[in-house]
N, C-alpha and C. Protein backbone atom coordinates (compact mmCIF):
# COMPACT_ATOMS: atom_id res chain seq x y z
N MET A 1 -46.16 71.08 134.92
CA MET A 1 -45.75 70.48 133.69
C MET A 1 -46.88 70.65 132.67
N SER A 2 -46.55 71.12 131.49
CA SER A 2 -47.57 71.34 130.47
C SER A 2 -47.72 70.11 129.60
N THR A 3 -48.92 69.91 129.12
CA THR A 3 -49.18 68.76 128.26
C THR A 3 -49.40 69.24 126.84
N TYR A 4 -48.89 68.50 125.92
CA TYR A 4 -49.04 68.82 124.49
C TYR A 4 -49.91 67.76 123.85
N ASN A 5 -50.71 68.20 122.92
CA ASN A 5 -51.57 67.28 122.19
C ASN A 5 -50.72 66.57 121.14
N THR A 6 -50.56 65.27 121.26
CA THR A 6 -49.73 64.51 120.33
C THR A 6 -50.54 63.84 119.25
N ASP A 7 -51.85 64.00 119.25
CA ASP A 7 -52.69 63.39 118.22
C ASP A 7 -52.45 64.12 116.90
N SER A 8 -52.03 63.40 115.87
CA SER A 8 -51.68 64.04 114.60
C SER A 8 -52.93 64.52 113.84
N ASN A 9 -54.10 63.98 114.14
CA ASN A 9 -55.31 64.40 113.44
C ASN A 9 -56.01 65.57 114.10
N ALA A 10 -55.58 65.96 115.26
CA ALA A 10 -56.23 67.05 115.97
C ALA A 10 -55.75 68.37 115.41
N SER A 11 -56.71 69.23 115.05
CA SER A 11 -56.32 70.55 114.54
C SER A 11 -56.97 71.64 115.39
N ALA A 12 -57.33 71.31 116.63
CA ALA A 12 -57.95 72.28 117.52
C ALA A 12 -56.97 73.37 117.91
N ASP A 13 -55.67 73.05 117.86
CA ASP A 13 -54.69 74.06 118.22
C ASP A 13 -54.38 75.01 117.06
N GLY A 14 -55.06 74.84 115.93
CA GLY A 14 -54.87 75.74 114.80
C GLY A 14 -53.76 75.30 113.87
N GLY A 15 -53.09 74.21 114.16
CA GLY A 15 -52.00 73.73 113.32
C GLY A 15 -52.53 73.00 112.10
N LYS A 16 -51.73 72.94 111.10
CA LYS A 16 -52.11 72.25 109.87
C LYS A 16 -51.53 70.84 109.88
N ARG A 17 -52.27 69.91 109.34
CA ARG A 17 -51.80 68.54 109.23
C ARG A 17 -51.02 68.37 107.93
N MET A 18 -50.05 67.50 107.95
CA MET A 18 -49.29 67.23 106.73
C MET A 18 -50.15 66.55 105.69
N SER A 19 -51.23 65.89 106.11
CA SER A 19 -52.12 65.25 105.14
C SER A 19 -52.90 66.30 104.35
N ASP A 20 -52.98 67.52 104.86
CA ASP A 20 -53.65 68.61 104.15
C ASP A 20 -52.73 69.30 103.16
N LEU A 21 -51.44 68.94 103.14
CA LEU A 21 -50.48 69.57 102.24
C LEU A 21 -50.71 69.08 100.82
N LYS A 22 -50.92 70.00 99.91
CA LYS A 22 -51.12 69.69 98.49
C LYS A 22 -49.96 70.29 97.71
N VAL A 23 -49.51 69.60 96.67
CA VAL A 23 -48.42 70.08 95.83
C VAL A 23 -48.88 70.01 94.37
N CYS A 24 -48.74 71.13 93.66
CA CYS A 24 -49.13 71.20 92.25
C CYS A 24 -48.06 70.52 91.41
N ASN A 25 -48.49 69.63 90.51
CA ASN A 25 -47.56 68.93 89.64
C ASN A 25 -47.07 69.80 88.49
N ARG A 26 -47.71 70.92 88.25
CA ARG A 26 -47.28 71.81 87.17
C ARG A 26 -46.27 72.84 87.64
N CYS A 27 -46.61 73.60 88.69
CA CYS A 27 -45.74 74.71 89.12
C CYS A 27 -44.99 74.38 90.41
N GLN A 28 -45.22 73.21 90.99
CA GLN A 28 -44.57 72.75 92.22
C GLN A 28 -44.92 73.60 93.44
N TYR A 29 -46.02 74.35 93.40
CA TYR A 29 -46.46 75.16 94.52
C TYR A 29 -47.05 74.23 95.59
N ALA A 30 -46.71 74.45 96.84
CA ALA A 30 -47.21 73.65 97.95
C ALA A 30 -48.09 74.53 98.84
N TRP A 31 -49.26 74.01 99.21
CA TRP A 31 -50.17 74.75 100.06
C TRP A 31 -50.98 73.80 100.92
N PHE A 32 -51.52 74.32 102.01
CA PHE A 32 -52.40 73.56 102.88
C PHE A 32 -53.83 73.82 102.45
N SER A 33 -54.60 72.76 102.33
CA SER A 33 -55.98 72.89 101.88
C SER A 33 -56.93 72.32 102.92
N ASN A 34 -58.09 72.96 103.03
CA ASN A 34 -59.11 72.48 103.95
C ASN A 34 -60.01 71.43 103.33
N VAL A 35 -59.97 71.30 102.01
CA VAL A 35 -60.79 70.32 101.32
C VAL A 35 -59.91 69.16 100.86
N GLU A 36 -60.54 68.01 100.65
CA GLU A 36 -59.80 66.81 100.26
C GLU A 36 -59.17 66.94 98.87
N SER A 37 -59.94 67.44 97.92
CA SER A 37 -59.44 67.56 96.55
C SER A 37 -59.79 68.95 96.01
N PRO A 38 -58.88 69.90 96.10
CA PRO A 38 -59.15 71.25 95.59
C PRO A 38 -59.38 71.24 94.08
N VAL A 39 -60.14 72.20 93.61
CA VAL A 39 -60.46 72.27 92.19
C VAL A 39 -59.26 72.77 91.40
N ARG A 40 -58.58 73.82 91.91
CA ARG A 40 -57.47 74.42 91.17
C ARG A 40 -56.29 74.69 92.10
N CYS A 41 -55.15 74.84 91.48
CA CYS A 41 -53.95 75.27 92.21
C CYS A 41 -54.07 76.77 92.46
N PRO A 42 -53.85 77.24 93.68
CA PRO A 42 -53.98 78.67 93.94
C PRO A 42 -52.88 79.52 93.28
N SER A 43 -51.80 78.91 92.87
CA SER A 43 -50.71 79.67 92.26
C SER A 43 -50.88 79.81 90.75
N CYS A 44 -50.97 78.69 90.03
CA CYS A 44 -51.05 78.75 88.56
C CYS A 44 -52.48 78.62 88.05
N GLY A 45 -53.42 78.23 88.89
CA GLY A 45 -54.82 78.13 88.49
C GLY A 45 -55.14 76.88 87.69
N SER A 46 -54.22 75.93 87.64
CA SER A 46 -54.42 74.73 86.84
C SER A 46 -55.46 73.81 87.47
N HIS A 47 -56.34 73.27 86.64
CA HIS A 47 -57.31 72.28 87.10
C HIS A 47 -56.66 70.90 87.18
N CYS A 48 -55.52 70.74 86.53
CA CYS A 48 -54.82 69.45 86.48
C CYS A 48 -53.64 69.43 87.44
N TRP A 49 -53.78 70.08 88.58
CA TRP A 49 -52.67 70.20 89.52
C TRP A 49 -52.27 68.86 90.12
N ASP A 50 -53.22 67.91 90.20
CA ASP A 50 -52.93 66.64 90.85
C ASP A 50 -52.61 65.53 89.86
N LYS A 51 -52.61 65.85 88.56
CA LYS A 51 -52.29 64.86 87.54
C LYS A 51 -50.83 65.02 87.13
N PRO A 52 -50.20 63.96 86.66
CA PRO A 52 -48.82 64.09 86.22
C PRO A 52 -48.74 65.06 85.03
N SER A 53 -47.78 65.96 85.07
CA SER A 53 -47.68 66.97 84.02
C SER A 53 -46.58 66.59 83.04
N VAL A 54 -46.99 66.39 81.79
CA VAL A 54 -46.06 66.10 80.72
C VAL A 54 -46.27 67.17 79.66
N PRO A 55 -45.28 68.01 79.43
CA PRO A 55 -45.47 69.07 78.45
C PRO A 55 -45.46 68.54 77.02
N ASN A 56 -46.21 69.19 76.15
CA ASN A 56 -46.15 68.91 74.72
C ASN A 56 -45.03 69.74 74.14
N VAL A 57 -44.34 69.19 73.16
CA VAL A 57 -43.24 69.90 72.50
C VAL A 57 -43.50 69.86 71.01
N CYS A 58 -43.55 71.04 70.39
CA CYS A 58 -43.74 71.12 68.95
C CYS A 58 -42.45 70.71 68.25
N GLN A 59 -42.55 69.77 67.32
CA GLN A 59 -41.38 69.31 66.58
C GLN A 59 -40.97 70.30 65.50
N ILE A 60 -41.84 71.26 65.19
CA ILE A 60 -41.56 72.23 64.15
C ILE A 60 -40.82 73.44 64.71
N CYS A 61 -41.39 74.09 65.74
CA CYS A 61 -40.80 75.32 66.25
C CYS A 61 -40.13 75.15 67.62
N GLY A 62 -40.32 74.00 68.27
CA GLY A 62 -39.68 73.76 69.55
C GLY A 62 -40.42 74.32 70.75
N HIS A 63 -41.61 74.86 70.57
CA HIS A 63 -42.39 75.45 71.66
C HIS A 63 -42.86 74.35 72.62
N LYS A 64 -42.77 74.63 73.94
CA LYS A 64 -43.25 73.70 74.97
C LYS A 64 -44.48 74.29 75.64
N TRP A 65 -45.51 73.47 75.84
CA TRP A 65 -46.69 73.93 76.54
C TRP A 65 -47.38 72.76 77.22
N PHE A 66 -48.19 73.09 78.23
CA PHE A 66 -48.97 72.08 78.93
C PHE A 66 -50.38 72.08 78.35
N PRO A 67 -50.94 70.91 78.06
CA PRO A 67 -52.29 70.87 77.51
C PRO A 67 -53.32 71.25 78.55
N ARG A 68 -54.41 71.84 78.10
CA ARG A 68 -55.49 72.22 79.02
C ARG A 68 -56.42 71.05 79.29
N THR A 69 -56.51 70.12 78.36
CA THR A 69 -57.39 68.97 78.52
C THR A 69 -56.56 67.70 78.42
N ASP A 70 -57.23 66.57 78.59
CA ASP A 70 -56.54 65.29 78.55
C ASP A 70 -56.30 64.81 77.12
N GLY A 71 -57.03 65.32 76.14
CA GLY A 71 -56.90 64.88 74.76
C GLY A 71 -55.65 65.43 74.07
N MET A 72 -55.43 64.98 72.85
CA MET A 72 -54.30 65.43 72.04
C MET A 72 -54.63 66.78 71.42
N PRO A 73 -53.77 67.79 71.59
CA PRO A 73 -54.04 69.10 70.99
C PRO A 73 -54.02 69.03 69.47
N LEU A 74 -54.84 69.85 68.83
CA LEU A 74 -54.88 69.88 67.38
C LEU A 74 -53.71 70.66 66.79
N ARG A 75 -53.33 71.77 67.45
CA ARG A 75 -52.32 72.66 66.91
C ARG A 75 -51.32 73.09 67.97
N CYS A 76 -50.18 73.53 67.49
CA CYS A 76 -49.20 74.16 68.36
C CYS A 76 -49.68 75.59 68.63
N PRO A 77 -49.72 76.03 69.88
CA PRO A 77 -50.19 77.38 70.15
C PRO A 77 -49.24 78.47 69.65
N SER A 78 -48.00 78.13 69.35
CA SER A 78 -47.05 79.13 68.89
C SER A 78 -47.08 79.30 67.38
N CYS A 79 -46.81 78.22 66.63
CA CYS A 79 -46.73 78.33 65.16
C CYS A 79 -48.01 77.91 64.47
N LYS A 80 -49.00 77.42 65.20
CA LYS A 80 -50.33 77.06 64.71
C LYS A 80 -50.34 75.89 63.73
N THR A 81 -49.27 75.12 63.66
CA THR A 81 -49.24 74.00 62.74
C THR A 81 -49.99 72.81 63.31
N ARG A 82 -50.63 72.05 62.43
CA ARG A 82 -51.30 70.82 62.85
C ARG A 82 -50.32 69.65 62.93
N SER A 83 -49.14 69.83 62.38
CA SER A 83 -48.13 68.77 62.36
C SER A 83 -47.13 68.94 63.49
N TRP A 84 -47.58 69.39 64.64
CA TRP A 84 -46.66 69.68 65.74
C TRP A 84 -46.01 68.44 66.32
N ASN A 85 -46.64 67.29 66.17
CA ASN A 85 -46.10 66.08 66.76
C ASN A 85 -45.51 65.13 65.72
N VAL A 86 -45.25 65.61 64.50
CA VAL A 86 -44.63 64.80 63.47
C VAL A 86 -43.16 64.61 63.84
N ASN A 87 -42.70 63.38 63.79
CA ASN A 87 -41.32 63.10 64.17
C ASN A 87 -40.31 63.57 63.13
N ASP A 88 -40.71 63.66 61.86
CA ASP A 88 -39.79 64.09 60.82
C ASP A 88 -39.85 65.60 60.69
N ALA A 89 -39.14 66.29 61.56
CA ALA A 89 -39.15 67.75 61.57
C ALA A 89 -38.34 68.34 60.44
N SER A 90 -37.55 67.52 59.75
CA SER A 90 -36.74 68.05 58.65
C SER A 90 -37.62 68.52 57.51
N VAL A 91 -38.83 67.96 57.41
CA VAL A 91 -39.75 68.39 56.35
C VAL A 91 -40.17 69.83 56.58
N TYR A 92 -40.32 70.21 57.84
CA TYR A 92 -40.76 71.55 58.19
C TYR A 92 -39.67 72.30 58.95
N SER A 93 -38.49 72.33 58.44
CA SER A 93 -37.41 72.95 59.20
C SER A 93 -37.61 74.45 59.34
N LYS A 94 -37.12 74.96 60.44
CA LYS A 94 -37.24 76.39 60.72
C LYS A 94 -36.44 77.20 59.72
N VAL A 95 -35.30 76.68 59.28
CA VAL A 95 -34.47 77.38 58.32
C VAL A 95 -35.20 77.52 57.00
N GLY A 96 -35.87 76.46 56.56
CA GLY A 96 -36.61 76.51 55.31
C GLY A 96 -37.72 77.54 55.36
N ARG A 97 -38.40 77.64 56.50
CA ARG A 97 -39.49 78.58 56.62
C ARG A 97 -38.98 80.02 56.59
N THR A 98 -37.87 80.29 57.26
CA THR A 98 -37.35 81.65 57.26
C THR A 98 -36.84 82.06 55.90
N SER A 99 -36.28 81.11 55.15
CA SER A 99 -35.81 81.46 53.81
C SER A 99 -36.99 81.72 52.89
N ARG A 100 -38.09 80.97 53.04
CA ARG A 100 -39.29 81.24 52.25
C ARG A 100 -39.86 82.61 52.58
N GLU A 101 -39.84 82.95 53.89
CA GLU A 101 -40.35 84.25 54.29
C GLU A 101 -39.50 85.37 53.72
N SER A 102 -38.19 85.20 53.72
CA SER A 102 -37.33 86.25 53.18
C SER A 102 -37.51 86.38 51.68
N VAL A 103 -37.78 85.28 50.97
CA VAL A 103 -38.05 85.34 49.53
C VAL A 103 -39.35 86.10 49.30
N ALA A 104 -40.36 85.85 50.12
CA ALA A 104 -41.64 86.54 49.97
C ALA A 104 -41.48 88.04 50.24
N VAL A 105 -40.71 88.39 51.26
CA VAL A 105 -40.48 89.81 51.58
C VAL A 105 -39.76 90.50 50.44
N SER A 106 -38.73 89.85 49.90
CA SER A 106 -37.98 90.47 48.80
C SER A 106 -38.83 90.60 47.56
N ALA A 107 -39.72 89.62 47.28
CA ALA A 107 -40.60 89.71 46.11
C ALA A 107 -41.59 90.85 46.27
N VAL A 108 -42.16 91.00 47.46
CA VAL A 108 -43.11 92.08 47.70
C VAL A 108 -42.43 93.43 47.58
N MET A 109 -41.27 93.57 48.17
CA MET A 109 -40.57 94.86 48.12
C MET A 109 -40.08 95.20 46.71
N GLU A 110 -39.71 94.19 45.95
CA GLU A 110 -39.30 94.42 44.56
C GLU A 110 -40.45 94.99 43.74
N LYS A 111 -41.64 94.42 43.92
CA LYS A 111 -42.82 94.90 43.19
C LYS A 111 -43.23 96.29 43.69
N TYR A 112 -43.11 96.52 45.01
CA TYR A 112 -43.49 97.82 45.56
C TYR A 112 -42.56 98.92 45.05
N LEU A 113 -41.28 98.63 45.03
CA LEU A 113 -40.31 99.62 44.56
C LEU A 113 -40.41 99.84 43.05
N ALA A 114 -41.02 98.89 42.33
CA ALA A 114 -41.25 99.06 40.90
C ALA A 114 -42.45 99.95 40.62
N GLY A 115 -43.19 100.32 41.67
CA GLY A 115 -44.29 101.27 41.50
C GLY A 115 -45.68 100.71 41.74
N LYS A 116 -45.78 99.43 42.06
CA LYS A 116 -47.10 98.83 42.29
C LYS A 116 -47.54 99.09 43.72
N GLY A 117 -48.85 99.14 43.93
CA GLY A 117 -49.41 99.35 45.25
C GLY A 117 -49.64 98.02 45.96
N CYS A 118 -49.98 98.11 47.23
CA CYS A 118 -50.17 96.91 48.06
C CYS A 118 -51.30 96.03 47.55
N LEU A 119 -52.39 96.64 47.10
CA LEU A 119 -53.53 95.87 46.61
C LEU A 119 -53.16 95.08 45.37
N LYS A 120 -52.46 95.70 44.44
CA LYS A 120 -52.03 95.03 43.21
C LYS A 120 -51.07 93.89 43.53
N ILE A 121 -50.14 94.13 44.45
CA ILE A 121 -49.18 93.09 44.85
C ILE A 121 -49.92 91.92 45.50
N SER A 122 -50.91 92.23 46.31
CA SER A 122 -51.70 91.20 46.98
C SER A 122 -52.43 90.33 45.97
N MET A 123 -53.00 90.95 44.96
CA MET A 123 -53.73 90.18 43.94
C MET A 123 -52.77 89.33 43.11
N GLU A 124 -51.59 89.86 42.79
CA GLU A 124 -50.65 89.11 41.96
C GLU A 124 -50.01 87.93 42.71
N THR A 125 -49.68 88.14 43.97
CA THR A 125 -48.99 87.10 44.72
C THR A 125 -49.92 86.13 45.43
N GLY A 126 -51.17 86.54 45.64
CA GLY A 126 -52.10 85.68 46.38
C GLY A 126 -51.93 85.80 47.89
N MET A 127 -51.08 86.71 48.34
CA MET A 127 -50.89 86.92 49.77
C MET A 127 -52.00 87.82 50.29
N PRO A 128 -52.38 87.69 51.56
CA PRO A 128 -53.38 88.60 52.12
C PRO A 128 -52.89 90.05 52.10
N LEU A 129 -53.83 90.96 51.89
CA LEU A 129 -53.49 92.38 51.82
C LEU A 129 -52.83 92.85 53.11
N SER A 130 -53.29 92.36 54.24
CA SER A 130 -52.71 92.78 55.52
C SER A 130 -51.25 92.35 55.63
N THR A 131 -50.91 91.17 55.11
CA THR A 131 -49.52 90.70 55.14
C THR A 131 -48.65 91.57 54.25
N VAL A 132 -49.13 91.86 53.05
CA VAL A 132 -48.37 92.72 52.13
C VAL A 132 -48.18 94.09 52.75
N PHE A 133 -49.23 94.64 53.34
CA PHE A 133 -49.15 95.97 53.96
C PHE A 133 -48.13 95.97 55.10
N ASP A 134 -48.15 94.92 55.94
CA ASP A 134 -47.21 94.84 57.06
C ASP A 134 -45.77 94.74 56.57
N ILE A 135 -45.53 93.99 55.50
CA ILE A 135 -44.18 93.86 54.95
C ILE A 135 -43.69 95.21 54.44
N VAL A 136 -44.55 95.88 53.68
CA VAL A 136 -44.16 97.18 53.11
C VAL A 136 -43.94 98.20 54.22
N LYS A 137 -44.85 98.24 55.19
CA LYS A 137 -44.75 99.21 56.28
C LYS A 137 -43.46 99.00 57.09
N ALA A 138 -43.08 97.73 57.29
CA ALA A 138 -41.87 97.44 58.05
C ALA A 138 -40.61 97.87 57.30
N ASN A 139 -40.65 97.84 55.97
CA ASN A 139 -39.47 98.17 55.18
C ASN A 139 -39.42 99.62 54.72
N VAL A 140 -40.57 100.26 54.62
CA VAL A 140 -40.61 101.64 54.12
C VAL A 140 -40.39 102.64 55.26
N GLY A 141 -40.92 102.35 56.42
CA GLY A 141 -40.74 103.24 57.55
C GLY A 141 -41.94 104.15 57.74
N LYS A 142 -41.66 105.45 57.99
CA LYS A 142 -42.73 106.39 58.34
C LYS A 142 -43.40 107.02 57.14
N THR A 143 -42.94 106.74 55.94
CA THR A 143 -43.58 107.33 54.78
C THR A 143 -44.92 106.68 54.53
N GLN A 144 -45.78 107.35 53.77
CA GLN A 144 -47.11 106.84 53.50
C GLN A 144 -47.02 105.67 52.52
N VAL A 145 -47.76 104.61 52.80
CA VAL A 145 -47.71 103.40 51.99
C VAL A 145 -48.72 103.51 50.85
N ARG A 146 -48.28 103.16 49.64
CA ARG A 146 -49.17 103.15 48.47
C ARG A 146 -50.09 101.97 48.55
N MET A 147 -51.35 102.21 48.42
CA MET A 147 -52.32 101.13 48.42
C MET A 147 -52.56 100.70 46.99
């Protein structure tokens, strides 16, 4: 008759104890660890694997992300706004922003088609030269852009 080791703390047989099972609160990855408190999750690399994970949600663009630190983030990583946690999102609606962008694109293209170069348009509108150049390049295609 063979005898089996019934001691739950014995790991001489090479088995893992359930007390060594760790579960990441971010990605839900489960693994056995030899240390009491691992530094990072081996799957997602999070240092906050053992803390409750509550994602931040931008009220402006709707982007969801997990913070890297315990403090309040300054900006949304997607739209870069500092007002990401403002409850009155109607002030910064996505529709309003896209309509403003389309007005800016049409104004730039109107001036470009009238014969002005990107530098002149940039100075008149106050937009960065790189933005004006990108707008013109996207609308003109493969032809050479007037500077």
